[in-house]
Amino acid sequence: MKSKLKLFVWTEFSPDYTSGLAFAIAKDEPEARKLVEAFRGYEVFEWGNLVIYPINHKIARCVSGGG
């Protein structure tokens, strides 16, 4: 059975001093956004760029910190 879940990754997420990164595994974008907002505890106003990956192959991404 093929997975209906996808990995949603937002780059440039909620930037203040530096850009952040957010991700969720969900069935669709509205559900993914709800999961991120529930985790953060408040409504997100600057989501940034969205990339969606099917959960059927390996991927890796990283975010460097600092300022």
N, C-alpha and C. Protein backbone atom coordinates (compact mmCIF):
# COMPACT_ATOMS: atom_id res chain seq x y z
N MET A 1 0.84 -1.19 0.00
CA MET A 1 0.00 0.00 0.00
C MET A 1 0.88 1.25 0.00
N LYS A 2 0.62 2.16 -0.90
CA LYS A 2 1.40 3.38 -1.03
C LYS A 2 1.02 4.36 0.08
N SER A 3 2.02 4.98 0.68
CA SER A 3 1.78 5.96 1.74
C SER A 3 1.12 7.21 1.18
N LYS A 4 0.12 7.70 1.89
CA LYS A 4 -0.54 8.94 1.48
C LYS A 4 0.07 10.13 2.20
N LEU A 5 1.00 9.89 3.08
CA LEU A 5 1.65 10.98 3.80
C LEU A 5 2.76 11.58 2.97
N LYS A 6 3.00 12.87 3.20
CA LYS A 6 4.08 13.59 2.51
C LYS A 6 4.85 14.40 3.54
N LEU A 7 6.07 14.72 3.20
CA LEU A 7 6.90 15.58 4.03
C LEU A 7 6.80 17.00 3.48
N PHE A 8 6.33 17.93 4.32
CA PHE A 8 6.21 19.34 3.96
C PHE A 8 7.33 20.10 4.64
N VAL A 9 8.15 20.81 3.86
CA VAL A 9 9.29 21.55 4.40
C VAL A 9 9.17 23.01 3.99
N TRP A 10 9.20 23.90 4.98
CA TRP A 10 9.20 25.34 4.73
C TRP A 10 10.58 25.89 5.04
N THR A 11 11.22 26.47 4.03
CA THR A 11 12.47 27.18 4.25
C THR A 11 12.13 28.66 4.38
N GLU A 12 13.03 29.46 4.87
CA GLU A 12 12.77 30.89 5.10
C GLU A 12 11.59 31.06 6.05
N PHE A 13 11.39 30.11 6.97
CA PHE A 13 10.23 30.08 7.85
C PHE A 13 10.34 31.12 8.96
N SER A 14 9.29 31.89 9.14
CA SER A 14 9.14 32.83 10.25
C SER A 14 10.42 33.61 10.53
N PRO A 15 10.94 34.31 9.51
CA PRO A 15 12.22 35.00 9.71
C PRO A 15 12.09 36.20 10.64
N ASP A 16 13.04 36.34 11.53
CA ASP A 16 13.17 37.55 12.33
C ASP A 16 14.59 38.05 12.12
N TYR A 17 15.54 37.54 12.87
CA TYR A 17 16.94 37.88 12.63
C TYR A 17 17.55 36.96 11.57
N THR A 18 17.15 35.70 11.59
CA THR A 18 17.59 34.74 10.58
C THR A 18 16.39 33.91 10.16
N SER A 19 16.49 33.25 9.02
CA SER A 19 15.39 32.41 8.54
C SER A 19 15.38 31.09 9.27
N GLY A 20 14.19 30.59 9.50
CA GLY A 20 14.04 29.31 10.18
C GLY A 20 13.66 28.20 9.21
N LEU A 21 13.34 27.06 9.78
CA LEU A 21 12.94 25.89 9.01
C LEU A 21 11.81 25.23 9.79
N ALA A 22 10.77 24.83 9.09
CA ALA A 22 9.68 24.08 9.72
C ALA A 22 9.37 22.89 8.83
N PHE A 23 8.91 21.80 9.46
CA PHE A 23 8.50 20.65 8.67
C PHE A 23 7.37 19.92 9.37
N ALA A 24 6.60 19.18 8.58
CA ALA A 24 5.53 18.34 9.11
C ALA A 24 5.34 17.18 8.15
N ILE A 25 4.92 16.06 8.69
CA ILE A 25 4.52 14.91 7.88
C ILE A 25 3.00 14.83 8.02
N ALA A 26 2.32 14.97 6.88
CA ALA A 26 0.86 15.03 6.90
C ALA A 26 0.32 14.57 5.55
N LYS A 27 -1.02 14.49 5.46
CA LYS A 27 -1.63 14.06 4.20
C LYS A 27 -1.77 15.19 3.19
N ASP A 28 -1.91 16.46 3.69
CA ASP A 28 -2.04 17.59 2.78
C ASP A 28 -1.51 18.86 3.45
N GLU A 29 -1.42 19.94 2.67
CA GLU A 29 -0.83 21.18 3.19
C GLU A 29 -1.63 21.80 4.34
N PRO A 30 -2.98 21.86 4.27
CA PRO A 30 -3.71 22.43 5.41
C PRO A 30 -3.45 21.68 6.72
N GLU A 31 -3.41 20.35 6.65
CA GLU A 31 -3.12 19.57 7.85
C GLU A 31 -1.70 19.84 8.35
N ALA A 32 -0.75 19.95 7.43
CA ALA A 32 0.64 20.22 7.81
C ALA A 32 0.75 21.57 8.51
N ARG A 33 0.08 22.59 7.98
CA ARG A 33 0.11 23.92 8.61
C ARG A 33 -0.49 23.88 10.01
N LYS A 34 -1.60 23.15 10.17
CA LYS A 34 -2.22 23.03 11.50
C LYS A 34 -1.27 22.36 12.49
N LEU A 35 -0.56 21.34 12.04
CA LEU A 35 0.39 20.66 12.92
C LEU A 35 1.52 21.59 13.36
N VAL A 36 2.04 22.38 12.43
CA VAL A 36 3.12 23.31 12.77
C VAL A 36 2.62 24.36 13.75
N GLU A 37 1.44 24.92 13.49
CA GLU A 37 0.90 25.95 14.38
C GLU A 37 0.58 25.38 15.76
N ALA A 38 0.10 24.14 15.82
CA ALA A 38 -0.17 23.51 17.11
C ALA A 38 1.13 23.33 17.89
N PHE A 39 2.20 22.95 17.20
CA PHE A 39 3.49 22.78 17.85
C PHE A 39 4.02 24.11 18.37
N ARG A 40 3.89 25.17 17.56
CA ARG A 40 4.40 26.50 17.94
C ARG A 40 3.53 27.16 18.99
N GLY A 41 2.24 26.86 18.98
CA GLY A 41 1.34 27.44 19.97
C GLY A 41 0.71 28.75 19.54
N TYR A 42 0.93 29.17 18.32
CA TYR A 42 0.30 30.39 17.81
C TYR A 42 0.29 30.39 16.29
N GLU A 43 -0.50 31.30 15.72
CA GLU A 43 -0.64 31.39 14.27
C GLU A 43 0.65 31.90 13.62
N VAL A 44 1.03 31.28 12.54
CA VAL A 44 2.24 31.67 11.80
C VAL A 44 1.84 32.63 10.69
N PHE A 45 2.57 33.74 10.55
CA PHE A 45 2.25 34.73 9.53
C PHE A 45 3.21 34.70 8.35
N GLU A 46 4.44 34.25 8.55
CA GLU A 46 5.42 34.19 7.47
C GLU A 46 5.90 32.75 7.30
N TRP A 47 5.30 32.06 6.34
CA TRP A 47 5.60 30.65 6.15
C TRP A 47 6.86 30.40 5.34
N GLY A 48 7.18 31.26 4.41
CA GLY A 48 8.36 31.04 3.58
C GLY A 48 8.06 30.14 2.39
N ASN A 49 9.09 29.50 1.88
CA ASN A 49 8.98 28.66 0.68
C ASN A 49 8.63 27.23 1.07
N LEU A 50 7.69 26.63 0.36
CA LEU A 50 7.26 25.27 0.64
C LEU A 50 7.77 24.31 -0.42
N VAL A 51 8.34 23.19 0.04
CA VAL A 51 8.72 22.08 -0.83
C VAL A 51 8.04 20.84 -0.26
N ILE A 52 7.42 20.04 -1.12
CA ILE A 52 6.70 18.84 -0.68
C ILE A 52 7.40 17.61 -1.25
N TYR A 53 7.69 16.66 -0.37
CA TYR A 53 8.36 15.42 -0.77
C TYR A 53 7.45 14.23 -0.48
N PRO A 54 7.29 13.32 -1.43
CA PRO A 54 6.56 12.09 -1.13
C PRO A 54 7.40 11.24 -0.17
N ILE A 55 6.73 10.47 0.65
CA ILE A 55 7.46 9.62 1.60
C ILE A 55 7.70 8.26 0.93
N ASN A 56 8.52 8.26 -0.10
CA ASN A 56 8.84 7.00 -0.76
C ASN A 56 10.30 6.94 -1.22
N HIS A 57 11.07 7.95 -0.83
CA HIS A 57 12.50 7.92 -1.13
C HIS A 57 13.26 8.70 -0.06
N LYS A 58 14.55 8.48 0.00
CA LYS A 58 15.39 9.11 1.01
C LYS A 58 15.75 10.53 0.60
N ILE A 59 15.78 11.43 1.59
CA ILE A 59 16.24 12.80 1.35
C ILE A 59 17.01 13.26 2.58
N ALA A 60 17.78 14.29 2.42
CA ALA A 60 18.46 14.93 3.55
C ALA A 60 18.53 16.42 3.28
N ARG A 61 18.37 17.21 4.31
CA ARG A 61 18.51 18.66 4.24
C ARG A 61 19.15 19.10 5.54
N CYS A 62 19.77 20.27 5.54
CA CYS A 62 20.35 20.79 6.77
C CYS A 62 20.18 22.30 6.82
N VAL A 63 20.25 22.84 8.01
CA VAL A 63 20.14 24.28 8.22
C VAL A 63 21.29 24.69 9.11
N SER A 64 22.05 25.67 8.67
CA SER A 64 23.15 26.19 9.48
C SER A 64 22.64 27.34 10.33
N GLY A 65 23.16 27.45 11.52
CA GLY A 65 22.76 28.54 12.42
C GLY A 65 23.85 29.58 12.51
N GLY A 66 23.60 30.56 13.32
CA GLY A 66 24.59 31.61 13.53
C GLY A 66 24.13 32.92 12.95
N GLY A 67 24.92 33.91 13.17
CA GLY A 67 24.49 35.21 12.66
C GLY A 67 25.63 36.17 12.53
